[in-house]
PDB file of N, CA and C in Angstrom:
ATOM      1  N   MET A   1      76.525 150.830  87.280  1.00  0.00           N
ATOM      2  CA  MET A   1      77.619 150.894  88.114  1.00  0.00           C
ATOM      3  C   MET A   1      78.815 150.796  87.076  1.00  0.00           C
ATOM      4  N   SER A   2      79.830 151.880  87.497  1.00  0.00           N
ATOM      5  CA  SER A   2      80.979 151.987  86.739  1.00  0.00           C
ATOM      6  C   SER A   2      81.950 150.959  86.909  1.00  0.00           C
ATOM      7  N   ASP A   3      82.777 150.834  85.797  1.00  0.00           N
ATOM      8  CA  ASP A   3      83.823 149.795  85.848  1.00  0.00           C
ATOM      9  C   ASP A   3      84.744 149.771  87.021  1.00  0.00           C
ATOM     10  N   LEU A   4      85.049 150.894  87.556  1.00  0.00           N
ATOM     11  CA  LEU A   4      85.913 150.651  88.722  1.00  0.00           C
ATOM     12  C   LEU A   4      85.160 150.435  90.001  1.00  0.00           C
ATOM     13  N   ASN A   5      83.807 150.576  89.914  1.00  0.00           N
ATOM     14  CA  ASN A   5      82.825 150.252  91.110  1.00  0.00           C
ATOM     15  C   ASN A   5      82.928 148.636  91.176  1.00  0.00           C
ATOM     16  N   ILE A   6      82.480 148.018  89.988  1.00  0.00           N
ATOM     17  CA  ILE A   6      82.653 146.728  89.743  1.00  0.00           C
ATOM     18  C   ILE A   6      83.943 145.930  90.267  1.00  0.00           C
ATOM     19  N   LEU A   7      84.926 146.611  89.694  1.00  0.00           N
ATOM     20  CA  LEU A   7      86.279 145.987  90.086  1.00  0.00           C
ATOM     21  C   LEU A   7      86.416 146.210  91.803  1.00  0.00           C
ATOM     22  N   ARG A   8      86.043 147.297  92.273  1.00  0.00           N
ATOM     23  CA  ARG A   8      86.402 147.338  93.648  1.00  0.00           C
ATOM     24  C   ARG A   8      85.156 146.379  94.506  1.00  0.00           C
ATOM     25  N   GLU A   9      84.180 146.124  93.973  1.00  0.00           N
ATOM     26  CA  GLU A   9      83.300 145.100  94.641  1.00  0.00           C
ATOM     27  C   GLU A   9      83.915 143.823  94.407  1.00  0.00           C
ATOM     28  N   GLN A  10      84.583 143.365  93.304  1.00  0.00           N
ATOM     29  CA  GLN A  10      85.420 142.242  93.329  1.00  0.00           C
ATOM     30  C   GLN A  10      86.218 142.183  94.440  1.00  0.00           C
ATOM     31  N   ILE A  11      87.208 143.214  94.408  1.00  0.00           N
ATOM     32  CA  ILE A  11      88.355 143.104  95.561  1.00  0.00           C
ATOM     33  C   ILE A  11      87.578 143.163  96.757  1.00  0.00           C
ATOM     34  N   ASP A  12      86.502 143.736  97.365  1.00  0.00           N
ATOM     35  CA  ASP A  12      85.766 143.562  98.639  1.00  0.00           C
ATOM     36  C   ASP A  12      85.265 141.843  98.842  1.00  0.00           C
ATOM     37  N   ASN A  13      84.724 141.325  97.676  1.00  0.00           N
ATOM     38  CA  ASN A  13      84.590 140.075  97.760  1.00  0.00           C
ATOM     39  C   ASN A  13      85.833 139.136  98.023  1.00  0.00           C
ATOM     40  N   ILE A  14      86.787 139.381  97.491  1.00  0.00           N
ATOM     41  CA  ILE A  14      88.121 138.635  97.558  1.00  0.00           C
ATOM     42  C   ILE A  14      88.561 139.014  99.136  1.00  0.00           C
ATOM     43  N   ASP A  15      88.497 140.190  99.399  1.00  0.00           N
ATOM     44  CA  ASP A  15      88.957 140.335 100.838  1.00  0.00           C
ATOM     45  C   ASP A  15      88.171 139.843 101.858  1.00  0.00           C
ATOM     46  N   ALA A  16      86.879 139.522 101.655  1.00  0.00           N
ATOM     47  CA  ALA A  16      86.119 138.872 102.718  1.00  0.00           C
ATOM     48  C   ALA A  16      86.409 137.341 102.591  1.00  0.00           C
ATOM     49  N   LYS A  17      86.748 136.582 101.476  1.00  0.00           N
ATOM     50  CA  LYS A  17      87.285 135.356 101.454  1.00  0.00           C
ATOM     51  C   LYS A  17      88.535 135.201 102.299  1.00  0.00           C
ATOM     52  N   ILE A  18      89.555 136.139 102.068  1.00  0.00           N
ATOM     53  CA  ILE A  18      90.754 136.223 102.580  1.00  0.00           C
ATOM     54  C   ILE A  18      90.665 136.256 104.059  1.00  0.00           C
ATOM     55  N   VAL A  19      89.824 137.203 104.649  1.00  0.00           N
ATOM     56  CA  VAL A  19      89.540 137.216 106.120  1.00  0.00           C
ATOM     57  C   VAL A  19      89.112 136.033 106.445  1.00  0.00           C
ATOM     58  N   GLU A  20      88.298 135.311 105.801  1.00  0.00           N
ATOM     59  CA  GLU A  20      87.670 133.953 106.375  1.00  0.00           C
ATOM     60  C   GLU A  20      88.654 132.959 106.245  1.00  0.00           C
ATOM     61  N   LEU A  21      89.534 132.940 105.366  1.00  0.00           N
ATOM     62  CA  LEU A  21      90.387 131.869 105.218  1.00  0.00           C
ATOM     63  C   LEU A  21      91.705 132.049 106.471  1.00  0.00           C
ATOM     64  N   LEU A  22      91.894 133.458 106.627  1.00  0.00           N
ATOM     65  CA  LEU A  22      92.869 133.695 107.626  1.00  0.00           C
ATOM     66  C   LEU A  22      92.309 133.247 109.136  1.00  0.00           C
ATOM     67  N   CYS A  23      91.229 133.323 109.335  1.00  0.00           N
ATOM     68  CA  CYS A  23      90.362 133.066 110.504  1.00  0.00           C
ATOM     69  C   CYS A  23      90.606 131.619 110.551  1.00  0.00           C
ATOM     70  N   GLU A  24      90.315 130.795 109.568  1.00  0.00           N
ATOM     71  CA  GLU A  24      90.382 129.358 109.537  1.00  0.00           C
ATOM     72  C   GLU A  24      91.807 128.996 109.855  1.00  0.00           C
ATOM     73  N   ARG A  25      92.845 129.650 109.177  1.00  0.00           N
ATOM     74  CA  ARG A  25      94.242 129.061 109.408  1.00  0.00           C
ATOM     75  C   ARG A  25      94.385 129.503 110.971  1.00  0.00           C
ATOM     76  N   PHE A  26      94.156 130.693 111.428  1.00  0.00           N
ATOM     77  CA  PHE A  26      94.612 130.779 112.839  1.00  0.00           C
ATOM     78  C   PHE A  26      93.848 129.922 113.628  1.00  0.00           C
ATOM     79  N   ASP A  27      92.502 129.562 113.357  1.00  0.00           N
ATOM     80  CA  ASP A  27      91.975 128.326 114.286  1.00  0.00           C
ATOM     81  C   ASP A  27      92.925 127.248 114.296  1.00  0.00           C
ATOM     82  N   THR A  28      93.505 126.777 113.183  1.00  0.00           N
ATOM     83  CA  THR A  28      94.274 125.802 112.787  1.00  0.00           C
ATOM     84  C   THR A  28      95.560 125.870 113.566  1.00  0.00           C
ATOM     85  N   VAL A  29      96.079 127.131 113.599  1.00  0.00           N
ATOM     86  CA  VAL A  29      97.326 127.320 114.194  1.00  0.00           C
ATOM     87  C   VAL A  29      97.273 127.011 115.717  1.00  0.00           C
ATOM     88  N   LYS A  30      96.059 127.567 116.335  1.00  0.00           N
ATOM     89  CA  LYS A  30      95.657 127.227 117.647  1.00  0.00           C
ATOM     90  C   LYS A  30      95.731 125.795 117.976  1.00  0.00           C
ATOM     91  N   ASN A  31      95.049 124.997 117.119  1.00  0.00           N
ATOM     92  CA  ASN A  31      95.255 123.699 117.404  1.00  0.00           C
ATOM     93  C   ASN A  31      96.445 123.002 117.296  1.00  0.00           C
ATOM     94  N   VAL A  32      97.331 123.293 116.529  1.00  0.00           N
ATOM     95  CA  VAL A  32      98.834 123.027 116.228  1.00  0.00           C
ATOM     96  C   VAL A  32      99.331 123.476 117.683  1.00  0.00           C
ATOM     97  N   ALA A  33      99.130 124.645 118.177  1.00  0.00           N
ATOM     98  CA  ALA A  33      99.892 125.049 119.190  1.00  0.00           C
ATOM     99  C   ALA A  33      99.463 124.075 120.480  1.00  0.00           C
ATOM    100  N   GLU A  34      98.331 123.897 120.620  1.00  0.00           N
ATOM    101  CA  GLU A  34      97.855 122.851 121.848  1.00  0.00           C
ATOM    102  C   GLU A  34      98.320 121.594 121.712  1.00  0.00           C
ATOM    103  N   TYR A  35      98.534 121.006 120.495  1.00  0.00           N
ATOM    104  CA  TYR A  35      98.972 119.729 120.098  1.00  0.00           C
ATOM    105  C   TYR A  35     100.712 119.844 120.719  1.00  0.00           C
ATOM    106  N   LYS A  36     101.265 120.946 120.347  1.00  0.00           N
ATOM    107  CA  LYS A  36     102.760 121.024 120.309  1.00  0.00           C
ATOM    108  C   LYS A  36     102.940 121.081 122.044  1.00  0.00           C
ATOM    109  N   LYS A  37     102.117 121.846 122.695  1.00  0.00           N
ATOM    110  CA  LYS A  37     101.983 122.179 124.178  1.00  0.00           C
ATOM    111  C   LYS A  37     101.859 120.805 124.851  1.00  0.00           C
ATOM    112  N   ALA A  38     100.936 119.959 124.299  1.00  0.00           N
ATOM    113  CA  ALA A  38     100.426 118.680 124.927  1.00  0.00           C
ATOM    114  C   ALA A  38     101.561 117.675 124.785  1.00  0.00           C
ATOM    115  N   ASN A  39     102.430 117.796 123.778  1.00  0.00           N
ATOM    116  CA  ASN A  39     103.325 116.912 123.387  1.00  0.00           C
ATOM    117  C   ASN A  39     104.788 117.438 123.603  1.00  0.00           C
ATOM    118  N   GLY A  40     104.989 118.434 124.301  1.00  0.00           N
ATOM    119  CA  GLY A  40     106.305 118.974 124.678  1.00  0.00           C
ATOM    120  C   GLY A  40     107.305 119.469 123.448  1.00  0.00           C
ATOM    121  N   LEU A  41     106.473 119.773 122.410  1.00  0.00           N
ATOM    122  CA  LEU A  41     107.059 120.300 121.180  1.00  0.00           C
ATOM    123  C   LEU A  41     107.488 121.582 120.821  1.00  0.00           C
ATOM    124  N   GLU A  42     108.685 122.223 120.479  1.00  0.00           N
ATOM    125  CA  GLU A  42     109.112 123.559 120.133  1.00  0.00           C
ATOM    126  C   GLU A  42     108.273 124.197 119.274  1.00  0.00           C
ATOM    127  N   ILE A  43     107.728 125.418 119.534  1.00  0.00           N
ATOM    128  CA  ILE A  43     107.028 126.147 118.490  1.00  0.00           C
ATOM    129  C   ILE A  43     107.754 126.402 117.180  1.00  0.00           C
ATOM    130  N   LEU A  44     108.992 126.896 117.183  1.00  0.00           N
ATOM    131  CA  LEU A  44     109.598 127.252 116.023  1.00  0.00           C
ATOM    132  C   LEU A  44     109.976 126.114 115.354  1.00  0.00           C
ATOM    133  N   GLN A  45     109.538 125.677 114.154  1.00  0.00           N
ATOM    134  CA  GLN A  45     110.135 124.599 113.328  1.00  0.00           C
ATOM    135  C   GLN A  45     110.481 125.156 112.124  1.00  0.00           C
ATOM    136  N   LYS A  46     111.841 125.703 111.829  1.00  0.00           N
ATOM    137  CA  LYS A  46     112.212 126.448 110.670  1.00  0.00           C
ATOM    138  C   LYS A  46     111.892 125.531 109.381  1.00  0.00           C
ATOM    139  N   SER A  47     112.217 124.107 109.433  1.00  0.00           N
ATOM    140  CA  SER A  47     111.980 123.308 108.342  1.00  0.00           C
ATOM    141  C   SER A  47     110.588 123.357 107.791  1.00  0.00           C
ATOM    142  N   ARG A  48     109.652 123.594 108.674  1.00  0.00           N
ATOM    143  CA  ARG A  48     108.153 123.646 108.337  1.00  0.00           C
ATOM    144  C   ARG A  48     107.917 125.188 107.541  1.00  0.00           C
ATOM    145  N   GLU A  49     108.585 125.939 107.975  1.00  0.00           N
ATOM    146  CA  GLU A  49     108.398 127.389 107.685  1.00  0.00           C
ATOM    147  C   GLU A  49     109.104 127.453 106.144  1.00  0.00           C
ATOM    148  N   ALA A  50     110.123 126.904 106.003  1.00  0.00           N
ATOM    149  CA  ALA A  50     110.902 126.997 104.771  1.00  0.00           C
ATOM    150  C   ALA A  50     109.979 126.148 103.717  1.00  0.00           C
ATOM    151  N   LYS A  51     109.196 125.079 104.222  1.00  0.00           N
ATOM    152  CA  LYS A  51     108.521 124.379 103.399  1.00  0.00           C
ATOM    153  C   LYS A  51     107.043 125.089 102.923  1.00  0.00           C
ATOM    154  N   VAL A  52     106.693 125.897 103.896  1.00  0.00           N
ATOM    155  CA  VAL A  52     105.432 126.839 103.493  1.00  0.00           C
ATOM    156  C   VAL A  52     105.793 127.714 102.420  1.00  0.00           C
ATOM    157  N   LEU A  53     107.071 128.255 102.671  1.00  0.00           N
ATOM    158  CA  LEU A  53     107.515 129.426 101.789  1.00  0.00           C
ATOM    159  C   LEU A  53     107.990 128.704 100.395  1.00  0.00           C
ATOM    160  N   SER A  54     108.286 127.539 100.244  1.00  0.00           N
ATOM    161  CA  SER A  54     108.851 126.953  99.052  1.00  0.00           C
ATOM    162  C   SER A  54     107.697 126.800  98.115  1.00  0.00           C
ATOM    163  N   LYS A  55     106.416 126.530  98.673  1.00  0.00           N
ATOM    164  CA  LYS A  55     105.280 126.317  97.804  1.00  0.00           C
ATOM    165  C   LYS A  55     104.758 127.504  97.104  1.00  0.00           C
ATOM    166  N   ILE A  56     105.499 128.634  97.294  1.00  0.00           N
ATOM    167  CA  ILE A  56     105.154 129.855  96.578  1.00  0.00           C
ATOM    168  C   ILE A  56     106.234 130.046  95.507  1.00  0.00           C
ATOM    169  N   ASP A  57     107.316 129.378  95.384  1.00  0.00           N
ATOM    170  CA  ASP A  57     108.142 129.413  94.438  1.00  0.00           C
ATOM    171  C   ASP A  57     107.653 129.439  92.885  1.00  0.00           C
ATOM    172  N   GLY A  58     108.099 130.279  92.007  1.00  0.00           N
ATOM    173  CA  GLY A  58     107.465 130.247  90.639  1.00  0.00           C
ATOM    174  C   GLY A  58     106.124 130.844  90.407  1.00  0.00           C
ATOM    175  N   ARG A  59     105.511 131.314  91.554  1.00  0.00           N
ATOM    176  CA  ARG A  59     104.157 131.836  91.402  1.00  0.00           C
ATOM    177  C   ARG A  59     104.232 133.296  90.686  1.00  0.00           C
ATOM    178  N   GLU A  60     103.437 133.762  90.003  1.00  0.00           N
ATOM    179  CA  GLU A  60     103.138 135.044  89.817  1.00  0.00           C
ATOM    180  C   GLU A  60     103.203 135.961  90.934  1.00  0.00           C
ATOM    181  N   TYR A  61     103.529 137.068  91.154  1.00  0.00           N
ATOM    182  CA  TYR A  61     103.778 137.980  92.154  1.00  0.00           C
ATOM    183  C   TYR A  61     104.349 137.309  93.212  1.00  0.00           C
ATOM    184  N   GLN A  62     105.415 136.314  93.132  1.00  0.00           N
ATOM    185  CA  GLN A  62     105.934 135.568  94.259  1.00  0.00           C
ATOM    186  C   GLN A  62     106.559 136.578  95.284  1.00  0.00           C
ATOM    187  N   ASP A  63     107.384 137.561  95.000  1.00  0.00           N
ATOM    188  CA  ASP A  63     107.773 138.320  95.803  1.00  0.00           C
ATOM    189  C   ASP A  63     106.990 139.070  97.022  1.00  0.00           C
ATOM    190  N   TYR A  64     105.766 139.450  96.410  1.00  0.00           N
ATOM    191  CA  TYR A  64     104.818 140.076  97.178  1.00  0.00           C
ATOM    192  C   TYR A  64     104.087 139.042  98.071  1.00  0.00           C
ATOM    193  N   ILE A  65     103.749 137.829  97.418  1.00  0.00           N
ATOM    194  CA  ILE A  65     103.290 136.762  98.351  1.00  0.00           C
ATOM    195  C   ILE A  65     103.970 136.470  99.532  1.00  0.00           C
ATOM    196  N   VAL A  66     105.454 136.232  99.306  1.00  0.00           N
ATOM    197  CA  VAL A  66     106.273 135.980 100.409  1.00  0.00           C
ATOM    198  C   VAL A  66     106.356 136.994 101.410  1.00  0.00           C
ATOM    199  N   GLU A  67     106.289 138.347 101.001  1.00  0.00           N
ATOM    200  CA  GLU A  67     106.087 139.361 102.045  1.00  0.00           C
ATOM    201  C   GLU A  67     104.918 139.114 102.883  1.00  0.00           C
ATOM    202  N   ILE A  68     103.842 138.673 102.467  1.00  0.00           N
ATOM    203  CA  ILE A  68     102.560 138.631 102.906  1.00  0.00           C
ATOM    204  C   ILE A  68     102.750 137.280 103.911  1.00  0.00           C
ATOM    205  N   TYR A  69     103.260 136.219 103.234  1.00  0.00           N
ATOM    206  CA  TYR A  69     103.300 134.976 103.938  1.00  0.00           C
ATOM    207  C   TYR A  69     104.349 135.157 105.266  1.00  0.00           C
ATOM    208  N   LYS A  70     105.389 135.985 105.354  1.00  0.00           N
ATOM    209  CA  LYS A  70     106.252 136.117 106.303  1.00  0.00           C
ATOM    210  C   LYS A  70     105.403 136.766 107.566  1.00  0.00           C
ATOM    211  N   VAL A  71     104.455 137.853 107.166  1.00  0.00           N
ATOM    212  CA  VAL A  71     103.645 138.393 108.231  1.00  0.00           C
ATOM    213  C   VAL A  71     102.809 137.420 108.783  1.00  0.00           C
ATOM    214  N   ILE A  72     102.285 136.664 108.043  1.00  0.00           N
ATOM    215  CA  ILE A  72     101.380 135.317 108.251  1.00  0.00           C
ATOM    216  C   ILE A  72     102.063 134.383 109.380  1.00  0.00           C
ATOM    217  N   LEU A  73     102.960 134.115 108.946  1.00  0.00           N
ATOM    218  CA  LEU A  73     103.950 133.265 109.826  1.00  0.00           C
ATOM    219  C   LEU A  73     104.529 133.649 111.088  1.00  0.00           C
ATOM    220  N   GLU A  74     104.786 135.019 111.143  1.00  0.00           N
ATOM    221  CA  GLU A  74     105.071 135.796 112.300  1.00  0.00           C
ATOM    222  C   GLU A  74     104.116 135.796 113.217  1.00  0.00           C
ATOM    223  N   THR A  75     102.824 136.319 112.538  1.00  0.00           N
ATOM    224  CA  THR A  75     101.645 136.219 113.474  1.00  0.00           C
ATOM    225  C   THR A  75     101.147 134.905 114.110  1.00  0.00           C
ATOM    226  N   SER A  76     101.439 133.800 113.301  1.00  0.00           N
ATOM    227  CA  SER A  76     101.051 132.496 113.882  1.00  0.00           C
ATOM    228  C   SER A  76     102.191 132.181 114.928  1.00  0.00           C
ATOM    229  N   LYS A  77     103.464 132.516 114.620  1.00  0.00           N
ATOM    230  CA  LYS A  77     104.288 132.184 116.049  1.00  0.00           C
ATOM    231  C   LYS A  77     103.659 132.793 117.367  1.00  0.00           C
ATOM    232  N   ARG A  78     103.483 134.193 117.038  1.00  0.00           N
ATOM    233  CA  ARG A  78     103.008 134.969 118.154  1.00  0.00           C
ATOM    234  C   ARG A  78     101.879 134.471 118.857  1.00  0.00           C
ATOM    235  N   LEU A  79     100.845 133.782 117.893  1.00  0.00           N
ATOM    236  CA  LEU A  79      99.624 133.198 118.373  1.00  0.00           C
ATOM    237  C   LEU A  79     100.023 131.969 119.139  1.00  0.00           C
ATOM    238  N   GLN A  80     100.954 131.186 118.650  1.00  0.00           N
ATOM    239  CA  GLN A  80     101.177 129.948 119.247  1.00  0.00           C
ATOM    240  C   GLN A  80     101.926 130.169 120.551  1.00  0.00           C
ATOM    241  N   GLY A  81     102.879 131.142 120.538  1.00  0.00           N
ATOM    242  CA  GLY A  81     103.676 131.562 121.793  1.00  0.00           C
ATOM    243  C   GLY A  81     102.617 131.940 122.776  1.00  0.00           C
ATOM    244  N   GLY A  82     101.554 132.639 122.589  1.00  0.00           N
ATOM    245  CA  GLY A  82     100.559 132.860 123.640  1.00  0.00           C
ATOM    246  C   GLY A  82      99.832 131.554 124.284  1.00  0.00           C
ATOM    247  N   ILE A  83      99.579 130.945 123.337  1.00  0.00           N
ATOM    248  CA  ILE A  83      99.092 129.353 123.860  1.00  0.00           C
ATOM    249  C   ILE A  83      99.961 128.619 124.436  1.00  0.00           C
ATOM    250  N   HIS A  84     101.123 128.628 123.913  1.00  0.00           N
ATOM    251  CA  HIS A  84     102.010 127.834 124.387  1.00  0.00           C
ATOM    252  C   HIS A  84     102.757 128.084 125.865  1.00  0.00           C
ATOM    253  N   GLY A  85     102.742 129.300 125.982  1.00  0.00           N
ATOM    254  CA  GLY A  85     103.419 129.951 127.095  1.00  0.00           C
ATOM    255  C   GLY A  85     104.730 130.303 127.329  1.00  0.00           C
ATOM    256  N   ASP A  86     105.472 130.428 126.073  1.00  0.00           N
ATOM    257  CA  ASP A  86     106.775 130.796 125.907  1.00  0.00           C
ATOM    258  C   ASP A  86     106.889 132.167 125.614  1.00  0.00           C
TER     259      ASP A  86
END
């Protein structure tokens, strides 16, 4: 197998892990939405979003990771909105 194929296989394995973790995250987001709904809480909590993004500060590839996280957070809010009924 060529070096390029080995590297691509590594990327495929990493991608599979990312997908699994995203599914786990979205399952947890659904649980959060159900909790918020049951307790009359708002979906959007900007302080929480800022806290999540602050954990990326100083990381290698920070700008790229923040871009990806913004999409994840927006998707999470849409998922919660569908459950929350807002």
